[in-house]
């Protein structure tokens, strides 16, 4: 049964998904927070890869080393018997035991090579997608003696899918404009703007779209913000860069 205190902490987890600016820190912190409500032994959070040869990349984990996280990508991803779920482009939480019998799993090479050496048996996973596009996978693992994940735990993790889908989609948008194009010819690394002008990540996103020539209504649509919020970000950018409007911004030699 879900306790009131669990729901309060779950609400805090949702807040962290949206409010923590450092993306990797957000993923790791959320994994650690989830453990207080859904106990587990190991956890990982991979993002979707743009590399055609791989479905996942950039993992963070709890109680898993960076070497083990990378080993999955190098040796086990291709034989992962749940990868078809990632490829479906649907957001969903699921237990492996709901998909496959223990006998089938335990006879599989993937289970023998990854699960058995790690001392894990049960898994609860959240496949995250936005508009039919796979964005990432969050996985929680337990040892056999700790028992399978419950229906309540499945329900709780599933309740995060839309929140994660929104945040991961926003991160993907930011990555697409990670290198700004000014005046159609010059490329700048976002780190230069962060260091030199003290812009936030959100301001970097807005700056890239402003300089890309997008209309305000389109920028609001891309970033899912109100016109008022966009105006506030734009004014902050103008102030930090020492200009008064978009025309001066576009003609600024930076």
Protein backbone atom coordinates (compact mmCIF):
# COMPACT_ATOMS: atom_id res chain seq x y z
CA UNK A 1 0.00 0.00 0.00
CA UNK A 2 1.29 3.46 -0.91
CA UNK A 3 1.78 5.60 2.19
CA UNK A 4 1.11 9.34 2.40
CA UNK A 5 4.79 9.98 3.16
CA UNK A 6 5.73 8.08 -0.02
CA UNK A 7 3.46 10.32 -2.10
CA UNK A 8 5.05 13.43 -0.61
CA UNK A 9 8.52 12.18 -1.53
CA UNK A 10 7.25 11.13 -4.98
CA UNK A 11 6.04 14.68 -5.55
CA UNK A 12 9.52 15.92 -4.62
CA UNK A 13 11.01 13.51 -7.17
CA UNK A 14 8.75 14.93 -9.88
CA UNK A 15 9.83 18.44 -8.90
CA UNK A 16 13.49 17.44 -9.24
CA UNK A 17 12.88 16.07 -12.73
CA UNK A 18 11.85 19.55 -13.85
CA UNK A 19 13.91 21.81 -11.60
CA UNK A 20 17.43 20.36 -11.52
CA UNK A 21 19.40 22.12 -14.25
CA UNK A 22 22.32 19.66 -14.45
CA UNK A 23 20.84 16.83 -16.48
CA UNK A 24 23.13 14.00 -15.36
CA UNK A 25 22.88 15.11 -11.74
CA UNK A 26 19.09 15.11 -12.09
CA UNK A 27 19.06 11.53 -13.38
CA UNK A 28 21.39 10.28 -10.66
CA UNK A 29 19.57 12.15 -7.88
CA UNK A 30 16.18 10.85 -9.00
CA UNK A 31 17.50 7.28 -9.06
CA UNK A 32 18.80 7.69 -5.52
CA UNK A 33 15.51 9.22 -4.35
CA UNK A 34 13.41 6.48 -5.92
CA UNK A 35 15.26 3.92 -3.80
CA UNK A 36 13.56 5.27 -0.65
CA UNK A 37 10.16 4.25 -2.04
CA UNK A 38 11.01 1.43 -4.45
CA UNK A 39 13.93 -0.46 -2.88
CA UNK A 40 16.45 -1.94 -5.31
CA UNK A 41 20.03 -3.24 -5.41
CA UNK A 42 21.22 -1.67 -8.66
CA UNK A 43 19.86 1.02 -10.98
CA UNK A 44 20.78 2.55 -14.33
CA UNK A 45 19.49 5.31 -16.57
CA UNK A 46 20.55 5.33 -20.24
CA UNK A 47 19.65 7.88 -22.91
CA UNK A 48 18.76 7.16 -26.52
CA UNK A 49 21.71 7.26 -28.89
CA UNK A 50 21.99 9.03 -32.23
CA UNK A 51 24.44 6.34 -33.30
CA UNK A 52 22.71 3.86 -35.64
CA UNK A 53 24.88 1.09 -34.23
CA UNK A 54 23.61 1.63 -30.68
CA UNK A 55 20.22 2.25 -29.10
CA UNK A 56 21.54 3.72 -25.84
CA UNK A 57 24.32 5.97 -24.54
CA UNK A 58 25.43 8.28 -21.69
CA UNK A 59 24.45 6.10 -18.72
CA UNK A 60 24.36 7.03 -15.05
CA UNK A 61 23.89 4.47 -12.32
CA UNK A 62 23.56 3.68 -8.62
CA UNK A 63 25.70 0.87 -7.19
CA UNK A 64 27.03 0.26 -10.72
CA UNK A 65 30.48 1.35 -11.87
CA UNK A 66 31.05 3.35 -15.03
CA UNK A 67 32.92 0.35 -16.43
CA UNK A 68 29.91 -1.92 -15.88
CA UNK A 69 27.57 0.61 -17.47
CA UNK A 70 29.80 0.81 -20.53
CA UNK A 71 30.17 -2.97 -20.64
CA UNK A 72 26.44 -3.29 -21.19
CA UNK A 73 26.72 -1.08 -24.29
CA UNK A 74 29.79 -2.89 -25.60
CA UNK A 75 28.77 -6.49 -24.92
CA UNK A 76 25.14 -6.94 -23.91
CA UNK A 77 22.87 -4.40 -25.60
CA UNK A 78 22.58 -6.44 -28.79
CA UNK A 79 21.40 -9.53 -26.88
CA UNK A 80 19.09 -7.70 -24.46
CA UNK A 81 15.76 -9.52 -24.76
CA UNK A 82 13.81 -6.35 -23.85
CA UNK A 83 15.31 -4.08 -26.51
CA UNK A 84 12.24 -4.48 -28.73
CA UNK A 85 10.36 -2.36 -26.18
CA UNK A 86 12.82 0.52 -26.66
CA UNK A 87 12.41 0.25 -30.40
CA UNK A 88 8.61 0.42 -30.16
CA UNK A 89 8.75 4.14 -29.31
CA UNK A 90 6.23 3.76 -26.48
CA UNK A 91 6.51 5.01 -22.91
CA UNK A 92 5.74 2.24 -20.45
CA UNK A 93 6.79 0.70 -17.15
CA UNK A 94 7.08 -3.07 -16.98
CA UNK A 95 8.48 -5.96 -14.98
CA UNK A 96 10.47 -8.55 -16.87
CA UNK A 97 8.48 -11.26 -15.12
CA UNK A 98 5.33 -9.90 -16.78
CA UNK A 99 6.92 -10.46 -20.18
CA UNK A 100 8.87 -13.71 -19.76
CA UNK A 101 8.77 -16.72 -17.49
CA UNK A 102 11.65 -17.34 -15.10
CA UNK A 103 12.53 -20.49 -17.01
CA UNK A 104 12.82 -18.60 -20.30
CA UNK A 105 14.86 -15.78 -18.78
CA UNK A 106 17.23 -18.04 -16.86
CA UNK A 107 18.01 -20.05 -19.99
CA UNK A 108 18.84 -16.93 -22.01
CA UNK A 109 22.45 -15.91 -22.70
CA UNK A 110 21.71 -12.31 -21.68
CA UNK A 111 20.51 -13.40 -18.23
CA UNK A 112 23.42 -15.79 -17.73
CA UNK A 113 26.07 -13.27 -18.75
CA UNK A 114 24.67 -10.13 -17.09
CA UNK A 115 22.18 -10.96 -14.35
CA UNK A 116 23.78 -14.00 -12.71
CA UNK A 117 27.29 -12.49 -12.24
CA UNK A 118 25.71 -9.32 -10.80
CA UNK A 119 23.54 -11.25 -8.33
CA UNK A 120 20.29 -9.82 -9.68
CA UNK A 121 17.12 -11.57 -10.81
CA UNK A 122 14.19 -9.13 -10.96
CA UNK A 123 13.94 -5.88 -12.91
CA UNK A 124 11.49 -2.99 -13.16
CA UNK A 125 12.04 -0.75 -16.16
CA UNK A 126 10.65 2.49 -17.52
CA UNK A 127 10.99 2.97 -21.26
CA UNK A 128 10.69 6.69 -22.02
CA UNK A 129 9.47 8.02 -25.37
CA UNK A 130 8.05 11.25 -26.77
CA UNK A 131 5.89 11.38 -29.90
CA UNK A 132 6.82 7.78 -30.75
CA UNK A 133 10.56 8.48 -30.39
CA UNK A 134 12.61 6.51 -27.86
CA UNK A 135 14.45 8.84 -25.45
CA UNK A 136 15.79 6.69 -22.64
CA UNK A 137 15.42 3.75 -20.29
CA UNK A 138 15.44 3.69 -16.47
CA UNK A 139 16.03 0.28 -14.89
CA UNK A 140 15.82 -0.96 -11.29
CA UNK A 141 17.16 -4.39 -10.26
CA UNK A 142 16.70 -6.70 -7.28
CA UNK A 143 18.23 -9.94 -6.07
CA UNK A 144 16.06 -13.05 -6.07
CA UNK A 145 15.82 -13.13 -2.26
CA UNK A 146 14.43 -9.57 -2.18
CA UNK A 147 11.35 -10.50 -4.19
CA UNK A 148 9.81 -9.09 -7.33
CA UNK A 149 8.58 -5.51 -7.71
CA UNK A 150 4.98 -5.03 -6.60
CA UNK A 151 1.98 -3.68 -8.50
CA UNK A 152 2.13 -0.47 -6.44
CA UNK A 153 5.79 -0.01 -7.33
CA UNK A 154 5.01 -0.60 -10.99
CA UNK A 155 2.22 1.99 -10.78
CA UNK A 156 4.48 4.57 -9.14
CA UNK A 157 7.26 4.21 -11.69
CA UNK A 158 4.76 4.35 -14.54
CA UNK A 159 3.45 7.64 -13.15
CA UNK A 160 6.82 9.23 -13.95
CA UNK A 161 6.81 8.40 -17.66
CA UNK A 162 5.21 11.62 -18.92
CA UNK A 163 7.39 13.79 -16.67
CA UNK A 164 10.56 12.11 -17.86
CA UNK A 165 9.39 12.19 -21.48
CA UNK A 166 8.93 15.95 -21.30
CA UNK A 167 12.31 16.59 -19.63
CA UNK A 168 14.21 14.25 -21.96
CA UNK A 169 12.54 15.83 -24.98
CA UNK A 170 13.61 19.27 -23.75
CA UNK A 171 17.15 17.98 -23.30
CA UNK A 172 17.12 16.61 -26.85
CA UNK A 173 16.04 20.03 -28.15
CA UNK A 174 18.90 21.65 -26.22
CA UNK A 175 21.37 19.15 -27.67
CA UNK A 176 20.23 19.94 -31.20
CA UNK A 177 21.18 23.58 -30.72
CA UNK A 178 24.27 22.79 -28.65
CA UNK A 179 26.38 24.52 -31.28
CA UNK A 180 24.96 27.89 -32.18
CA UNK A 181 24.96 29.17 -35.73
CA UNK A 182 25.27 32.93 -35.99
CA UNK A 183 24.66 34.79 -39.25
CA UNK A 184 24.53 31.45 -41.01
CA UNK A 185 28.26 30.96 -41.09
CA UNK A 186 30.02 31.00 -37.70
CA UNK A 187 29.85 28.25 -35.07
CA UNK A 188 30.26 28.87 -31.37
CA UNK A 189 30.53 26.41 -28.52
CA UNK A 190 27.93 26.93 -25.82
CA UNK A 191 30.64 26.72 -23.16
CA UNK A 192 31.98 30.06 -24.41
CA UNK A 193 28.64 31.72 -23.70
CA UNK A 194 28.28 30.10 -20.31
CA UNK A 195 31.78 31.16 -19.26
CA UNK A 196 31.96 34.58 -20.89
CA UNK A 197 28.41 35.83 -20.48
CA UNK A 198 27.16 33.69 -17.57
CA UNK A 199 24.15 32.44 -19.50
CA UNK A 200 22.07 29.62 -18.07
CA UNK A 201 21.33 26.44 -20.03
CA UNK A 202 17.80 27.69 -20.74
CA UNK A 203 19.16 31.04 -21.94
CA UNK A 204 21.54 29.17 -24.24
CA UNK A 205 18.54 27.37 -25.75
CA UNK A 206 16.64 30.63 -26.24
CA UNK A 207 19.71 32.37 -27.67
CA UNK A 208 20.22 29.63 -30.24
CA UNK A 209 16.63 29.89 -31.42
CA UNK A 210 16.67 33.69 -31.49
CA UNK A 211 19.81 33.71 -33.59
CA UNK A 212 18.34 30.99 -35.78
CA UNK A 213 15.70 33.48 -36.87
CA UNK A 214 12.69 31.68 -35.39
CA UNK A 215 9.58 33.74 -34.68
CA UNK A 216 8.63 34.17 -31.04
CA UNK A 217 5.55 31.96 -31.32
CA UNK A 218 7.63 29.16 -32.83
CA UNK A 219 10.24 29.47 -30.06
CA UNK A 220 7.44 29.21 -27.49
CA UNK A 221 6.21 26.07 -29.24
CA UNK A 222 9.66 24.45 -29.37
CA UNK A 223 10.53 25.19 -25.75
CA UNK A 224 6.97 24.84 -24.44
CA UNK A 225 7.01 28.21 -22.68
CA UNK A 226 4.59 31.12 -22.56
CA UNK A 227 5.26 34.39 -24.45
CA UNK A 228 5.77 36.07 -21.07
CA UNK A 229 8.45 33.54 -20.07
CA UNK A 230 10.18 33.87 -23.44
CA UNK A 231 10.22 37.66 -23.09
CA UNK A 232 11.76 37.34 -19.63
CA UNK A 233 14.53 35.05 -20.95
CA UNK A 234 15.18 37.33 -23.93
CA UNK A 235 15.52 40.42 -21.73
CA UNK A 236 17.98 38.59 -19.47
CA UNK A 237 20.02 37.59 -22.52
CA UNK A 238 20.02 41.13 -23.92
CA UNK A 239 21.16 42.50 -20.56
CA UNK A 240 24.00 40.00 -20.21
CA UNK A 241 25.20 40.56 -23.77
CA UNK A 242 24.78 44.35 -23.58
CA UNK A 243 22.18 44.80 -26.33
CA UNK A 244 18.65 46.21 -26.42
CA UNK A 245 16.84 43.98 -28.92
CA UNK A 246 17.13 41.03 -31.28
CA UNK A 247 18.44 43.20 -34.13
CA UNK A 248 21.38 44.38 -32.02
CA UNK A 249 21.86 40.80 -30.80
CA UNK A 250 22.05 39.46 -34.35
CA UNK A 251 24.57 42.13 -35.36
CA UNK A 252 26.67 41.74 -32.24
CA UNK A 253 30.21 40.58 -32.93
CA UNK A 254 30.48 37.73 -30.43
